[in-house]
Amino acid sequence: MDDTRRPAKRNGSKPFKKSTPRSGSRPGGFGRVRPQVDSTAAEDLAEYILKVLAKDPDALQFERETYNPGRCRVSVTCDPLVTGRLIGKDGRTITALRSLIRAAASRFGKRVDIEIT
């Protein structure tokens, strides 16, 4: 403390100053620009991973339903023997896949749900 009973200023005589946001950046967005909403990368990723998990891509049938530009559902129809491989023990495999696809879709501003029947 100096003689006037105030705390010392940082960096010599300059007081601490918060930075001002740059133009074009959003608060909390770190200036990241999101791609178009029309992207189907998350749905393609879901189909690819499910085909690899099933070991027989011909046993799966995919159907995509679009509710609005930001929401989509991927319905998978398969044999009961393959269903067990896709769901996994206590549903851990499908839960992990859903969270992975949800994270990938959020980069595009979308929401993708996966349904196995």
PDB file of N, CA and C in Angstrom:
ATOM      1  N   MET A   1       0.839  -1.179   0.000  1.00  0.00           N
ATOM      2  CA  MET A   1       0.000   0.000   0.000  1.00  0.00           C
ATOM      3  C   MET A   1       0.882   1.239   0.000  1.00  0.00           C
ATOM      4  N   ASP A   2       0.399   2.201  -0.707  1.00  0.00           N
ATOM      5  CA  ASP A   2       1.178   3.424  -0.753  1.00  0.00           C
ATOM      6  C   ASP A   2       0.717   4.401   0.334  1.00  0.00           C
ATOM      7  N   ASP A   3       1.175   5.605   0.265  1.00  0.00           N
ATOM      8  CA  ASP A   3       0.900   6.590   1.320  1.00  0.00           C
ATOM      9  C   ASP A   3      -0.564   6.985   1.397  1.00  0.00           C
ATOM     10  N   THR A   4      -1.326   6.846   0.310  1.00  0.00           N
ATOM     11  CA  THR A   4      -2.728   7.263   0.324  1.00  0.00           C
ATOM     12  C   THR A   4      -3.661   6.133   0.756  1.00  0.00           C
ATOM     13  N   ARG A   5      -3.097   5.066   1.253  1.00  0.00           N
ATOM     14  CA  ARG A   5      -3.858   3.906   1.748  1.00  0.00           C
ATOM     15  C   ARG A   5      -4.685   3.218   0.661  1.00  0.00           C
ATOM     16  N   ARG A   6      -4.189   3.206  -0.546  1.00  0.00           N
ATOM     17  CA  ARG A   6      -4.834   2.476  -1.628  1.00  0.00           C
ATOM     18  C   ARG A   6      -3.896   1.379  -2.097  1.00  0.00           C
ATOM     19  N   PRO A   7      -4.446   0.270  -2.601  1.00  0.00           N
ATOM     20  CA  PRO A   7      -3.554  -0.769  -3.104  1.00  0.00           C
ATOM     21  C   PRO A   7      -2.776  -0.280  -4.315  1.00  0.00           C
ATOM     22  N   ALA A   8      -1.613  -0.840  -4.511  1.00  0.00           N
ATOM     23  CA  ALA A   8      -0.774  -0.440  -5.627  1.00  0.00           C
ATOM     24  C   ALA A   8      -1.428  -0.844  -6.939  1.00  0.00           C
ATOM     25  N   LYS A   9      -1.181  -0.052  -7.971  1.00  0.00           N
ATOM     26  CA  LYS A   9      -1.714  -0.343  -9.289  1.00  0.00           C
ATOM     27  C   LYS A   9      -0.840  -1.385  -9.962  1.00  0.00           C
ATOM     28  N   ARG A  10      -1.449  -2.187 -10.807  1.00  0.00           N
ATOM     29  CA  ARG A  10      -0.714  -3.205 -11.534  1.00  0.00           C
ATOM     30  C   ARG A  10       0.037  -2.574 -12.695  1.00  0.00           C
ATOM     31  N   ASN A  11       1.122  -3.201 -13.084  1.00  0.00           N
ATOM     32  CA  ASN A  11       1.927  -2.781 -14.230  1.00  0.00           C
ATOM     33  C   ASN A  11       2.355  -1.320 -14.114  1.00  0.00           C
ATOM     34  N   GLY A  12       2.895  -0.980 -13.030  1.00  0.00           N
ATOM     35  CA  GLY A  12       3.376   0.389 -12.867  1.00  0.00           C
ATOM     36  C   GLY A  12       2.237   1.343 -12.598  1.00  0.00           C
ATOM     37  N   SER A  13       2.060   2.316 -13.462  1.00  0.00           N
ATOM     38  CA  SER A  13       1.036   3.331 -13.233  1.00  0.00           C
ATOM     39  C   SER A  13      -0.276   3.033 -13.947  1.00  0.00           C
ATOM     40  N   LYS A  14      -0.327   1.937 -14.727  1.00  0.00           N
ATOM     41  CA  LYS A  14      -1.548   1.630 -15.475  1.00  0.00           C
ATOM     42  C   LYS A  14      -2.474   0.756 -14.627  1.00  0.00           C
ATOM     43  N   PRO A  15      -3.727   1.153 -14.450  1.00  0.00           N
ATOM     44  CA  PRO A  15      -4.655   0.300 -13.706  1.00  0.00           C
ATOM     45  C   PRO A  15      -5.060  -0.909 -14.542  1.00  0.00           C
ATOM     46  N   PHE A  16      -5.497  -1.976 -13.856  1.00  0.00           N
ATOM     47  CA  PHE A  16      -5.937  -3.185 -14.546  1.00  0.00           C
ATOM     48  C   PHE A  16      -7.200  -2.890 -15.331  1.00  0.00           C
ATOM     49  N   LYS A  17      -7.257  -3.330 -16.559  1.00  0.00           N
ATOM     50  CA  LYS A  17      -8.382  -3.032 -17.426  1.00  0.00           C
ATOM     51  C   LYS A  17      -8.865  -4.305 -18.093  1.00  0.00           C
ATOM     52  N   LYS A  18     -10.165  -4.531 -18.095  1.00  0.00           N
ATOM     53  CA  LYS A  18     -10.708  -5.682 -18.804  1.00  0.00           C
ATOM     54  C   LYS A  18     -10.638  -5.431 -20.291  1.00  0.00           C
ATOM     55  N   SER A  19     -10.415  -6.513 -21.031  1.00  0.00           N
ATOM     56  CA  SER A  19     -10.343  -6.355 -22.479  1.00  0.00           C
ATOM     57  C   SER A  19     -11.735  -6.180 -23.058  1.00  0.00           C
ATOM     58  N   THR A  20     -11.817  -5.465 -24.138  1.00  0.00           N
ATOM     59  CA  THR A  20     -13.096  -5.263 -24.813  1.00  0.00           C
ATOM     60  C   THR A  20     -13.277  -6.359 -25.852  1.00  0.00           C
ATOM     61  N   PRO A  21     -14.511  -6.827 -26.058  1.00  0.00           N
ATOM     62  CA  PRO A  21     -14.720  -7.887 -27.053  1.00  0.00           C
ATOM     63  C   PRO A  21     -14.467  -7.390 -28.461  1.00  0.00           C
ATOM     64  N   ARG A  22     -13.939  -8.266 -29.261  1.00  0.00           N
ATOM     65  CA  ARG A  22     -13.693  -7.923 -30.660  1.00  0.00           C
ATOM     66  C   ARG A  22     -15.001  -7.900 -31.424  1.00  0.00           C
ATOM     67  N   SER A  23     -15.006  -7.194 -32.504  1.00  0.00           N
ATOM     68  CA  SER A  23     -16.224  -7.134 -33.308  1.00  0.00           C
ATOM     69  C   SER A  23     -16.447  -8.483 -33.984  1.00  0.00           C
ATOM     70  N   GLY A  24     -17.686  -8.933 -34.024  1.00  0.00           N
ATOM     71  CA  GLY A  24     -18.041 -10.182 -34.679  1.00  0.00           C
ATOM     72  C   GLY A  24     -17.984 -11.390 -33.775  1.00  0.00           C
ATOM     73  N   SER A  25     -17.545 -11.227 -32.537  1.00  0.00           N
ATOM     74  CA  SER A  25     -17.495 -12.380 -31.649  1.00  0.00           C
ATOM     75  C   SER A  25     -18.683 -12.358 -30.708  1.00  0.00           C
ATOM     76  N   ARG A  26     -19.082 -13.536 -30.294  1.00  0.00           N
ATOM     77  CA  ARG A  26     -20.208 -13.672 -29.370  1.00  0.00           C
ATOM     78  C   ARG A  26     -19.664 -13.874 -27.967  1.00  0.00           C
ATOM     79  N   PRO A  27     -20.399 -13.489 -26.935  1.00  0.00           N
ATOM     80  CA  PRO A  27     -19.932 -13.791 -25.595  1.00  0.00           C
ATOM     81  C   PRO A  27     -19.941 -15.296 -25.362  1.00  0.00           C
ATOM     82  N   GLY A  28     -18.829 -15.835 -24.916  1.00  0.00           N
ATOM     83  CA  GLY A  28     -18.741 -17.261 -24.650  1.00  0.00           C
ATOM     84  C   GLY A  28     -18.515 -18.101 -25.883  1.00  0.00           C
ATOM     85  N   GLY A  29     -18.508 -17.512 -27.060  1.00  0.00           N
ATOM     86  CA  GLY A  29     -18.363 -18.272 -28.289  1.00  0.00           C
ATOM     87  C   GLY A  29     -16.941 -18.319 -28.807  1.00  0.00           C
ATOM     88  N   PHE A  30     -16.055 -17.519 -28.231  1.00  0.00           N
ATOM     89  CA  PHE A  30     -14.662 -17.471 -28.606  1.00  0.00           C
ATOM     90  C   PHE A  30     -14.490 -17.189 -30.094  1.00  0.00           C
ATOM     91  N   GLY A  31     -15.421 -16.461 -30.703  1.00  0.00           N
ATOM     92  CA  GLY A  31     -15.281 -16.057 -32.087  1.00  0.00           C
ATOM     93  C   GLY A  31     -15.432 -17.171 -33.091  1.00  0.00           C
ATOM     94  N   ARG A  32     -15.970 -18.311 -32.689  1.00  0.00           N
ATOM     95  CA  ARG A  32     -16.095 -19.459 -33.580  1.00  0.00           C
ATOM     96  C   ARG A  32     -17.319 -19.277 -34.478  1.00  0.00           C
ATOM     97  N   VAL A  33     -17.156 -19.570 -35.748  1.00  0.00           N
ATOM     98  CA  VAL A  33     -18.250 -19.472 -36.701  1.00  0.00           C
ATOM     99  C   VAL A  33     -18.785 -20.865 -36.948  1.00  0.00           C
ATOM    100  N   ARG A  34     -20.085 -21.038 -36.821  1.00  0.00           N
ATOM    101  CA  ARG A  34     -20.691 -22.352 -37.036  1.00  0.00           C
ATOM    102  C   ARG A  34     -21.031 -22.552 -38.507  1.00  0.00           C
ATOM    103  N   PRO A  35     -20.821 -23.765 -39.021  1.00  0.00           N
ATOM    104  CA  PRO A  35     -21.164 -24.044 -40.415  1.00  0.00           C
ATOM    105  C   PRO A  35     -22.672 -24.057 -40.638  1.00  0.00           C
ATOM    106  N   GLN A  36     -23.068 -24.292 -41.863  1.00  0.00           N
ATOM    107  CA  GLN A  36     -24.486 -24.312 -42.229  1.00  0.00           C
ATOM    108  C   GLN A  36     -25.240 -25.385 -41.470  1.00  0.00           C
ATOM    109  N   VAL A  37     -26.540 -25.181 -41.265  1.00  0.00           N
ATOM    110  CA  VAL A  37     -27.388 -26.122 -40.543  1.00  0.00           C
ATOM    111  C   VAL A  37     -27.711 -27.341 -41.405  1.00  0.00           C
ATOM    112  N   ASP A  38     -27.555 -27.243 -42.714  1.00  0.00           N
ATOM    113  CA  ASP A  38     -27.943 -28.319 -43.622  1.00  0.00           C
ATOM    114  C   ASP A  38     -26.994 -29.516 -43.573  1.00  0.00           C
ATOM    115  N   SER A  39     -25.915 -29.443 -42.837  1.00  0.00           N
ATOM    116  CA  SER A  39     -24.896 -30.486 -42.853  1.00  0.00           C
ATOM    117  C   SER A  39     -25.444 -31.816 -42.339  1.00  0.00           C
ATOM    118  N   THR A  40     -25.013 -32.896 -42.976  1.00  0.00           N
ATOM    119  CA  THR A  40     -25.435 -34.236 -42.574  1.00  0.00           C
ATOM    120  C   THR A  40     -24.253 -35.039 -42.049  1.00  0.00           C
ATOM    121  N   ALA A  41     -23.204 -34.360 -41.621  1.00  0.00           N
ATOM    122  CA  ALA A  41     -21.997 -35.058 -41.170  1.00  0.00           C
ATOM    123  C   ALA A  41     -22.274 -35.924 -39.953  1.00  0.00           C
ATOM    124  N   ALA A  42     -23.085 -35.460 -39.009  1.00  0.00           N
ATOM    125  CA  ALA A  42     -23.364 -36.233 -37.797  1.00  0.00           C
ATOM    126  C   ALA A  42     -24.169 -37.486 -38.127  1.00  0.00           C
ATOM    127  N   GLU A  43     -25.137 -37.368 -39.034  1.00  0.00           N
ATOM    128  CA  GLU A  43     -25.927 -38.550 -39.417  1.00  0.00           C
ATOM    129  C   GLU A  43     -25.055 -39.563 -40.157  1.00  0.00           C
ATOM    130  N   ASP A  44     -24.173 -39.074 -41.022  1.00  0.00           N
ATOM    131  CA  ASP A  44     -23.265 -39.977 -41.735  1.00  0.00           C
ATOM    132  C   ASP A  44     -22.315 -40.678 -40.763  1.00  0.00           C
ATOM    133  N   LEU A  45     -21.845 -39.954 -39.764  1.00  0.00           N
ATOM    134  CA  LEU A  45     -20.977 -40.551 -38.753  1.00  0.00           C
ATOM    135  C   LEU A  45     -21.711 -41.635 -37.975  1.00  0.00           C
ATOM    136  N   ALA A  46     -22.972 -41.377 -37.623  1.00  0.00           N
ATOM    137  CA  ALA A  46     -23.770 -42.376 -36.894  1.00  0.00           C
ATOM    138  C   ALA A  46     -23.953 -43.637 -37.730  1.00  0.00           C
ATOM    139  N   GLU A  47     -24.275 -43.473 -39.003  1.00  0.00           N
ATOM    140  CA  GLU A  47     -24.456 -44.636 -39.880  1.00  0.00           C
ATOM    141  C   GLU A  47     -23.154 -45.425 -40.020  1.00  0.00           C
ATOM    142  N   TYR A  48     -22.044 -44.734 -40.165  1.00  0.00           N
ATOM    143  CA  TYR A  48     -20.762 -45.415 -40.318  1.00  0.00           C
ATOM    144  C   TYR A  48     -20.420 -46.233 -39.069  1.00  0.00           C
ATOM    145  N   ILE A  49     -20.558 -45.632 -37.893  1.00  0.00           N
ATOM    146  CA  ILE A  49     -20.213 -46.335 -36.654  1.00  0.00           C
ATOM    147  C   ILE A  49     -21.141 -47.521 -36.432  1.00  0.00           C
ATOM    148  N   LEU A  50     -22.430 -47.366 -36.721  1.00  0.00           N
ATOM    149  CA  LEU A  50     -23.369 -48.473 -36.540  1.00  0.00           C
ATOM    150  C   LEU A  50     -23.057 -49.621 -37.507  1.00  0.00           C
ATOM    151  N   LYS A  51     -22.650 -49.304 -38.724  1.00  0.00           N
ATOM    152  CA  LYS A  51     -22.285 -50.355 -39.678  1.00  0.00           C
ATOM    153  C   LYS A  51     -21.054 -51.116 -39.218  1.00  0.00           C
ATOM    154  N   VAL A  52     -20.094 -50.411 -38.641  1.00  0.00           N
ATOM    155  CA  VAL A  52     -18.886 -51.075 -38.143  1.00  0.00           C
ATOM    156  C   VAL A  52     -19.218 -51.942 -36.939  1.00  0.00           C
ATOM    157  N   LEU A  53     -20.075 -51.468 -36.050  1.00  0.00           N
ATOM    158  CA  LEU A  53     -20.445 -52.243 -34.873  1.00  0.00           C
ATOM    159  C   LEU A  53     -21.227 -53.505 -35.237  1.00  0.00           C
ATOM    160  N   ALA A  54     -22.049 -53.418 -36.270  1.00  0.00           N
ATOM    161  CA  ALA A  54     -22.892 -54.549 -36.649  1.00  0.00           C
ATOM    162  C   ALA A  54     -22.107 -55.655 -37.354  1.00  0.00           C
ATOM    163  N   LYS A  55     -20.944 -55.343 -37.902  1.00  0.00           N
ATOM    164  CA  LYS A  55     -20.099 -56.273 -38.668  1.00  0.00           C
ATOM    165  C   LYS A  55     -20.743 -56.745 -39.964  1.00  0.00           C
ATOM    166  N   ASP A  56     -22.022 -56.530 -40.135  1.00  0.00           N
ATOM    167  CA  ASP A  56     -22.708 -56.887 -41.377  1.00  0.00           C
ATOM    168  C   ASP A  56     -23.559 -55.691 -41.791  1.00  0.00           C
ATOM    169  N   PRO A  57     -23.027 -54.813 -42.640  1.00  0.00           N
ATOM    170  CA  PRO A  57     -23.763 -53.598 -43.000  1.00  0.00           C
ATOM    171  C   PRO A  57     -25.075 -53.873 -43.733  1.00  0.00           C
ATOM    172  N   ASP A  58     -25.204 -55.064 -44.332  1.00  0.00           N
ATOM    173  CA  ASP A  58     -26.441 -55.373 -45.054  1.00  0.00           C
ATOM    174  C   ASP A  58     -27.594 -55.680 -44.106  1.00  0.00           C
ATOM    175  N   ALA A  59     -27.298 -55.964 -42.846  1.00  0.00           N
ATOM    176  CA  ALA A  59     -28.339 -56.293 -41.872  1.00  0.00           C
ATOM    177  C   ALA A  59     -29.040 -55.046 -41.324  1.00  0.00           C
ATOM    178  N   LEU A  60     -28.503 -53.869 -41.627  1.00  0.00           N
ATOM    179  CA  LEU A  60     -29.071 -52.624 -41.103  1.00  0.00           C
ATOM    180  C   LEU A  60     -29.821 -51.866 -42.183  1.00  0.00           C
ATOM    181  N   GLN A  61     -30.911 -51.244 -41.775  1.00  0.00           N
ATOM    182  CA  GLN A  61     -31.673 -50.362 -42.661  1.00  0.00           C
ATOM    183  C   GLN A  61     -31.840 -49.033 -41.946  1.00  0.00           C
ATOM    184  N   PHE A  62     -31.443 -47.956 -42.599  1.00  0.00           N
ATOM    185  CA  PHE A  62     -31.483 -46.625 -41.997  1.00  0.00           C
ATOM    186  C   PHE A  62     -32.611 -45.799 -42.593  1.00  0.00           C
ATOM    187  N   GLU A  63     -33.205 -44.990 -41.744  1.00  0.00           N
ATOM    188  CA  GLU A  63     -34.240 -44.058 -42.188  1.00  0.00           C
ATOM    189  C   GLU A  63     -34.007 -42.743 -41.461  1.00  0.00           C
ATOM    190  N   ARG A  64     -33.879 -41.661 -42.228  1.00  0.00           N
ATOM    191  CA  ARG A  64     -33.670 -40.328 -41.655  1.00  0.00           C
ATOM    192  C   ARG A  64     -34.957 -39.538 -41.711  1.00  0.00           C
ATOM    193  N   GLU A  65     -35.322 -38.964 -40.576  1.00  0.00           N
ATOM    194  CA  GLU A  65     -36.505 -38.115 -40.504  1.00  0.00           C
ATOM    195  C   GLU A  65     -36.059 -36.729 -40.048  1.00  0.00           C
ATOM    196  N   THR A  66     -36.441 -35.710 -40.780  1.00  0.00           N
ATOM    197  CA  THR A  66     -36.098 -34.343 -40.419  1.00  0.00           C
ATOM    198  C   THR A  66     -37.355 -33.639 -39.933  1.00  0.00           C
ATOM    199  N   TYR A  67     -37.301 -33.148 -38.697  1.00  0.00           N
ATOM    200  CA  TYR A  67     -38.456 -32.476 -38.107  1.00  0.00           C
ATOM    201  C   TYR A  67     -38.443 -30.991 -38.421  1.00  0.00           C
ATOM    202  N   ASN A  68     -37.329 -30.357 -38.257  1.00  0.00           N
ATOM    203  CA  ASN A  68     -37.139 -28.962 -38.652  1.00  0.00           C
ATOM    204  C   ASN A  68     -35.669 -28.828 -39.031  1.00  0.00           C
ATOM    205  N   PRO A  69     -35.214 -27.690 -39.499  1.00  0.00           N
ATOM    206  CA  PRO A  69     -33.825 -27.602 -39.979  1.00  0.00           C
ATOM    207  C   PRO A  69     -32.769 -27.944 -38.940  1.00  0.00           C
ATOM    208  N   GLY A  70     -33.090 -27.884 -37.656  1.00  0.00           N
ATOM    209  CA  GLY A  70     -32.091 -28.152 -36.648  1.00  0.00           C
ATOM    210  C   GLY A  70     -32.240 -29.471 -35.927  1.00  0.00           C
ATOM    211  N   ARG A  71     -33.179 -30.315 -36.348  1.00  0.00           N
ATOM    212  CA  ARG A  71     -33.409 -31.571 -35.625  1.00  0.00           C
ATOM    213  C   ARG A  71     -33.640 -32.716 -36.602  1.00  0.00           C
ATOM    214  N   CYS A  72     -33.049 -33.873 -36.303  1.00  0.00           N
ATOM    215  CA  CYS A  72     -33.141 -35.036 -37.176  1.00  0.00           C
ATOM    216  C   CYS A  72     -33.148 -36.299 -36.324  1.00  0.00           C
ATOM    217  N   ARG A  73     -33.787 -37.340 -36.825  1.00  0.00           N
ATOM    218  CA  ARG A  73     -33.785 -38.637 -36.157  1.00  0.00           C
ATOM    219  C   ARG A  73     -33.302 -39.683 -37.144  1.00  0.00           C
ATOM    220  N   VAL A  74     -32.373 -40.513 -36.695  1.00  0.00           N
ATOM    221  CA  VAL A  74     -31.881 -41.635 -37.487  1.00  0.00           C
ATOM    222  C   VAL A  74     -32.472 -42.894 -36.867  1.00  0.00           C
ATOM    223  N   SER A  75     -33.378 -43.566 -37.599  1.00  0.00           N
ATOM    224  CA  SER A  75     -33.979 -44.806 -37.127  1.00  0.00           C
ATOM    225  C   SER A  75     -33.269 -45.977 -37.785  1.00  0.00           C
ATOM    226  N   VAL A  76     -32.881 -46.952 -36.964  1.00  0.00           N
ATOM    227  CA  VAL A  76     -32.146 -48.115 -37.448  1.00  0.00           C
ATOM    228  C   VAL A  76     -33.009 -49.343 -37.214  1.00  0.00           C
ATOM    229  N   THR A  77     -33.260 -50.095 -38.280  1.00  0.00           N
ATOM    230  CA  THR A  77     -33.992 -51.354 -38.184  1.00  0.00           C
ATOM    231  C   THR A  77     -33.008 -52.480 -38.479  1.00  0.00           C
ATOM    232  N   CYS A  78     -32.985 -53.490 -37.599  1.00  0.00           N
ATOM    233  CA  CYS A  78     -32.023 -54.576 -37.777  1.00  0.00           C
ATOM    234  C   CYS A  78     -32.562 -55.856 -37.153  1.00  0.00           C
ATOM    235  N   ASP A  79     -31.815 -56.968 -37.365  1.00  0.00           N
ATOM    236  CA  ASP A  79     -32.161 -58.259 -36.783  1.00  0.00           C
ATOM    237  C   ASP A  79     -31.993 -58.211 -35.264  1.00  0.00           C
ATOM    238  N   PRO A  80     -32.739 -59.052 -34.536  1.00  0.00           N
ATOM    239  CA  PRO A  80     -32.589 -59.071 -33.075  1.00  0.00           C
ATOM    240  C   PRO A  80     -31.187 -59.481 -32.612  1.00  0.00           C
ATOM    241  N   LEU A  81     -30.488 -60.292 -33.388  1.00  0.00           N
ATOM    242  CA  LEU A  81     -29.128 -60.670 -33.013  1.00  0.00           C
ATOM    243  C   LEU A  81     -28.166 -59.485 -33.092  1.00  0.00           C
ATOM    244  N   VAL A  82     -28.382 -58.630 -34.068  1.00  0.00           N
ATOM    245  CA  VAL A  82     -27.523 -57.455 -34.239  1.00  0.00           C
ATOM    246  C   VAL A  82     -27.892 -56.359 -33.241  1.00  0.00           C
ATOM    247  N   THR A  83     -29.148 -56.324 -32.843  1.00  0.00           N
ATOM    248  CA  THR A  83     -29.605 -55.297 -31.912  1.00  0.00           C
ATOM    249  C   THR A  83     -28.820 -55.345 -30.609  1.00  0.00           C
ATOM    250  N   GLY A  84     -28.526 -56.544 -30.123  1.00  0.00           N
ATOM    251  CA  GLY A  84     -27.756 -56.690 -28.893  1.00  0.00           C
ATOM    252  C   GLY A  84     -26.356 -56.109 -29.002  1.00  0.00           C
ATOM    253  N   ARG A  85     -25.731 -56.265 -30.164  1.00  0.00           N
ATOM    254  CA  ARG A  85     -24.397 -55.698 -30.363  1.00  0.00           C
ATOM    255  C   ARG A  85     -24.445 -54.180 -30.377  1.00  0.00           C
ATOM    256  N   LEU A  86     -25.508 -53.613 -30.974  1.00  0.00           N
ATOM    257  CA  LEU A  86     -25.603 -52.158 -31.071  1.00  0.00           C
ATOM    258  C   LEU A  86     -25.926 -51.515 -29.729  1.00  0.00           C
ATOM    259  N   ILE A  87     -26.756 -52.157 -28.949  1.00  0.00           N
ATOM    260  CA  ILE A  87     -27.151 -51.580 -27.661  1.00  0.00           C
ATOM    261  C   ILE A  87     -26.047 -51.776 -26.630  1.00  0.00           C
ATOM    262  N   GLY A  88     -25.425 -52.931 -26.605  1.00  0.00           N
ATOM    263  CA  GLY A  88     -24.336 -53.183 -25.676  1.00  0.00           C
ATOM    264  C   GLY A  88     -24.826 -53.566 -24.292  1.00  0.00           C
ATOM    265  N   LYS A  89     -23.891 -53.863 -23.422  1.00  0.00           N
ATOM    266  CA  LYS A  89     -24.221 -54.299 -22.073  1.00  0.00           C
ATOM    267  C   LYS A  89     -24.789 -53.119 -21.279  1.00  0.00           C
ATOM    268  N   ASP A  90     -25.997 -53.302 -20.782  1.00  0.00           N
ATOM    269  CA  ASP A  90     -26.730 -52.270 -20.037  1.00  0.00           C
ATOM    270  C   ASP A  90     -26.903 -50.977 -20.836  1.00  0.00           C
ATOM    271  N   GLY A  91     -26.851 -51.047 -22.164  1.00  0.00           N
ATOM    272  CA  GLY A  91     -27.068 -49.870 -23.001  1.00  0.00           C
ATOM    273  C   GLY A  91     -25.887 -48.926 -23.064  1.00  0.00           C
ATOM    274  N   ARG A  92     -24.724 -49.396 -22.663  1.00  0.00           N
ATOM    275  CA  ARG A  92     -23.565 -48.505 -22.621  1.00  0.00           C
ATOM    276  C   ARG A  92     -23.087 -48.103 -24.010  1.00  0.00           C
ATOM    277  N   THR A  93     -23.141 -49.026 -24.957  1.00  0.00           N
ATOM    278  CA  THR A  93     -22.653 -48.725 -26.302  1.00  0.00           C
ATOM    279  C   THR A  93     -23.524 -47.674 -26.981  1.00  0.00           C
ATOM    280  N   ILE A  94     -24.836 -47.861 -26.925  1.00  0.00           N
ATOM    281  CA  ILE A  94     -25.723 -46.903 -27.593  1.00  0.00           C
ATOM    282  C   ILE A  94     -25.727 -45.561 -26.874  1.00  0.00           C
ATOM    283  N   THR A  95     -25.544 -45.566 -25.553  1.00  0.00           N
ATOM    284  CA  THR A  95     -25.476 -44.307 -24.808  1.00  0.00           C
ATOM    285  C   THR A  95     -24.227 -43.523 -25.203  1.00  0.00           C
ATOM    286  N   ALA A  96     -23.101 -44.220 -25.332  1.00  0.00           N
ATOM    287  CA  ALA A  96     -21.859 -43.563 -25.747  1.00  0.00           C
ATOM    288  C   ALA A  96     -21.974 -43.045 -27.175  1.00  0.00           C
ATOM    289  N   LEU A  97     -22.602 -43.833 -28.038  1.00  0.00           N
ATOM    290  CA  LEU A  97     -22.776 -43.399 -29.428  1.00  0.00           C
ATOM    291  C   LEU A  97     -23.677 -42.179 -29.513  1.00  0.00           C
ATOM    292  N   ARG A  98     -24.752 -42.168 -28.748  1.00  0.00           N
ATOM    293  CA  ARG A  98     -25.665 -41.016 -28.755  1.00  0.00           C
ATOM    294  C   ARG A  98     -24.974 -39.749 -28.270  1.00  0.00           C
ATOM    295  N   SER A  99     -24.158 -39.861 -27.227  1.00  0.00           N
ATOM    296  CA  SER A  99     -23.465 -38.667 -26.728  1.00  0.00           C
ATOM    297  C   SER A  99     -22.408 -38.194 -27.725  1.00  0.00           C
ATOM    298  N   LEU A 100     -21.736 -39.120 -28.410  1.00  0.00           N
ATOM    299  CA  LEU A 100     -20.763 -38.749 -29.425  1.00  0.00           C
ATOM    300  C   LEU A 100     -21.423 -38.032 -30.595  1.00  0.00           C
ATOM    301  N   ILE A 101     -22.538 -38.577 -31.062  1.00  0.00           N
ATOM    302  CA  ILE A 101     -23.242 -37.978 -32.195  1.00  0.00           C
ATOM    303  C   ILE A 101     -23.857 -36.647 -31.798  1.00  0.00           C
ATOM    304  N   ARG A 102     -24.350 -36.543 -30.585  1.00  0.00           N
ATOM    305  CA  ARG A 102     -24.922 -35.273 -30.111  1.00  0.00           C
ATOM    306  C   ARG A 102     -23.848 -34.189 -30.081  1.00  0.00           C
ATOM    307  N   ALA A 103     -22.629 -34.552 -29.654  1.00  0.00           N
ATOM    308  CA  ALA A 103     -21.530 -33.587 -29.633  1.00  0.00           C
ATOM    309  C   ALA A 103     -21.115 -33.191 -31.052  1.00  0.00           C
ATOM    310  N   ALA A 104     -21.072 -34.157 -31.956  1.00  0.00           N
ATOM    311  CA  ALA A 104     -20.709 -33.850 -33.341  1.00  0.00           C
ATOM    312  C   ALA A 104     -21.763 -32.982 -34.008  1.00  0.00           C
ATOM    313  N   ALA A 105     -23.027 -33.236 -33.712  1.00  0.00           N
ATOM    314  CA  ALA A 105     -24.106 -32.461 -34.325  1.00  0.00           C
ATOM    315  C   ALA A 105     -24.180 -31.053 -33.759  1.00  0.00           C
ATOM    316  N   SER A 106     -23.788 -30.886 -32.502  1.00  0.00           N
ATOM    317  CA  SER A 106     -23.866 -29.557 -31.902  1.00  0.00           C
ATOM    318  C   SER A 106     -22.890 -28.588 -32.547  1.00  0.00           C
ATOM    319  N   ARG A 107     -21.837 -29.096 -33.167  1.00  0.00           N
ATOM    320  CA  ARG A 107     -20.911 -28.226 -33.894  1.00  0.00           C
ATOM    321  C   ARG A 107     -21.594 -27.560 -35.080  1.00  0.00           C
ATOM    322  N   PHE A 108     -22.632 -28.205 -35.610  1.00  0.00           N
ATOM    323  CA  PHE A 108     -23.369 -27.665 -36.741  1.00  0.00           C
ATOM    324  C   PHE A 108     -24.674 -27.014 -36.312  1.00  0.00           C
ATOM    325  N   GLY A 109     -24.915 -26.929 -35.012  1.00  0.00           N
ATOM    326  CA  GLY A 109     -26.143 -26.316 -34.522  1.00  0.00           C
ATOM    327  C   GLY A 109     -27.340 -27.216 -34.696  1.00  0.00           C
ATOM    328  N   LYS A 110     -27.137 -28.531 -34.716  1.00  0.00           N
ATOM    329  CA  LYS A 110     -28.212 -29.481 -34.922  1.00  0.00           C
ATOM    330  C   LYS A 110     -28.368 -30.379 -33.704  1.00  0.00           C
ATOM    331  N   ARG A 111     -29.453 -31.146 -33.721  1.00  0.00           N
ATOM    332  CA  ARG A 111     -29.673 -32.187 -32.719  1.00  0.00           C
ATOM    333  C   ARG A 111     -30.046 -33.452 -33.474  1.00  0.00           C
ATOM    334  N   VAL A 112     -29.315 -34.536 -33.244  1.00  0.00           N
ATOM    335  CA  VAL A 112     -29.546 -35.806 -33.929  1.00  0.00           C
ATOM    336  C   VAL A 112     -29.864 -36.855 -32.879  1.00  0.00           C
ATOM    337  N   ASP A 113     -31.006 -37.516 -33.035  1.00  0.00           N
ATOM    338  CA  ASP A 113     -31.409 -38.596 -32.142  1.00  0.00           C
ATOM    339  C   ASP A 113     -31.237 -39.917 -32.889  1.00  0.00           C
ATOM    340  N   ILE A 114     -30.848 -40.976 -32.150  1.00  0.00           N
ATOM    341  CA  ILE A 114     -30.688 -42.294 -32.746  1.00  0.00           C
ATOM    342  C   ILE A 114     -31.678 -43.233 -32.081  1.00  0.00           C
ATOM    343  N   GLU A 115     -32.431 -43.944 -32.913  1.00  0.00           N
ATOM    344  CA  GLU A 115     -33.435 -44.877 -32.417  1.00  0.00           C
ATOM    345  C   GLU A 115     -33.185 -46.233 -33.040  1.00  0.00           C
ATOM    346  N   ILE A 116     -33.091 -47.269 -32.220  1.00  0.00           N
ATOM    347  CA  ILE A 116     -32.882 -48.637 -32.725  1.00  0.00           C
ATOM    348  C   ILE A 116     -34.145 -49.429 -32.522  1.00  0.00           C
ATOM    349  N   THR A 117     -34.662 -50.002 -33.618  1.00  0.00           N
ATOM    350  CA  THR A 117     -35.879 -50.812 -33.532  1.00  0.00           C
ATOM    351  C   THR A 117     -35.602 -52.208 -34.045  1.00  0.00           C
TER     352      THR A 117
END
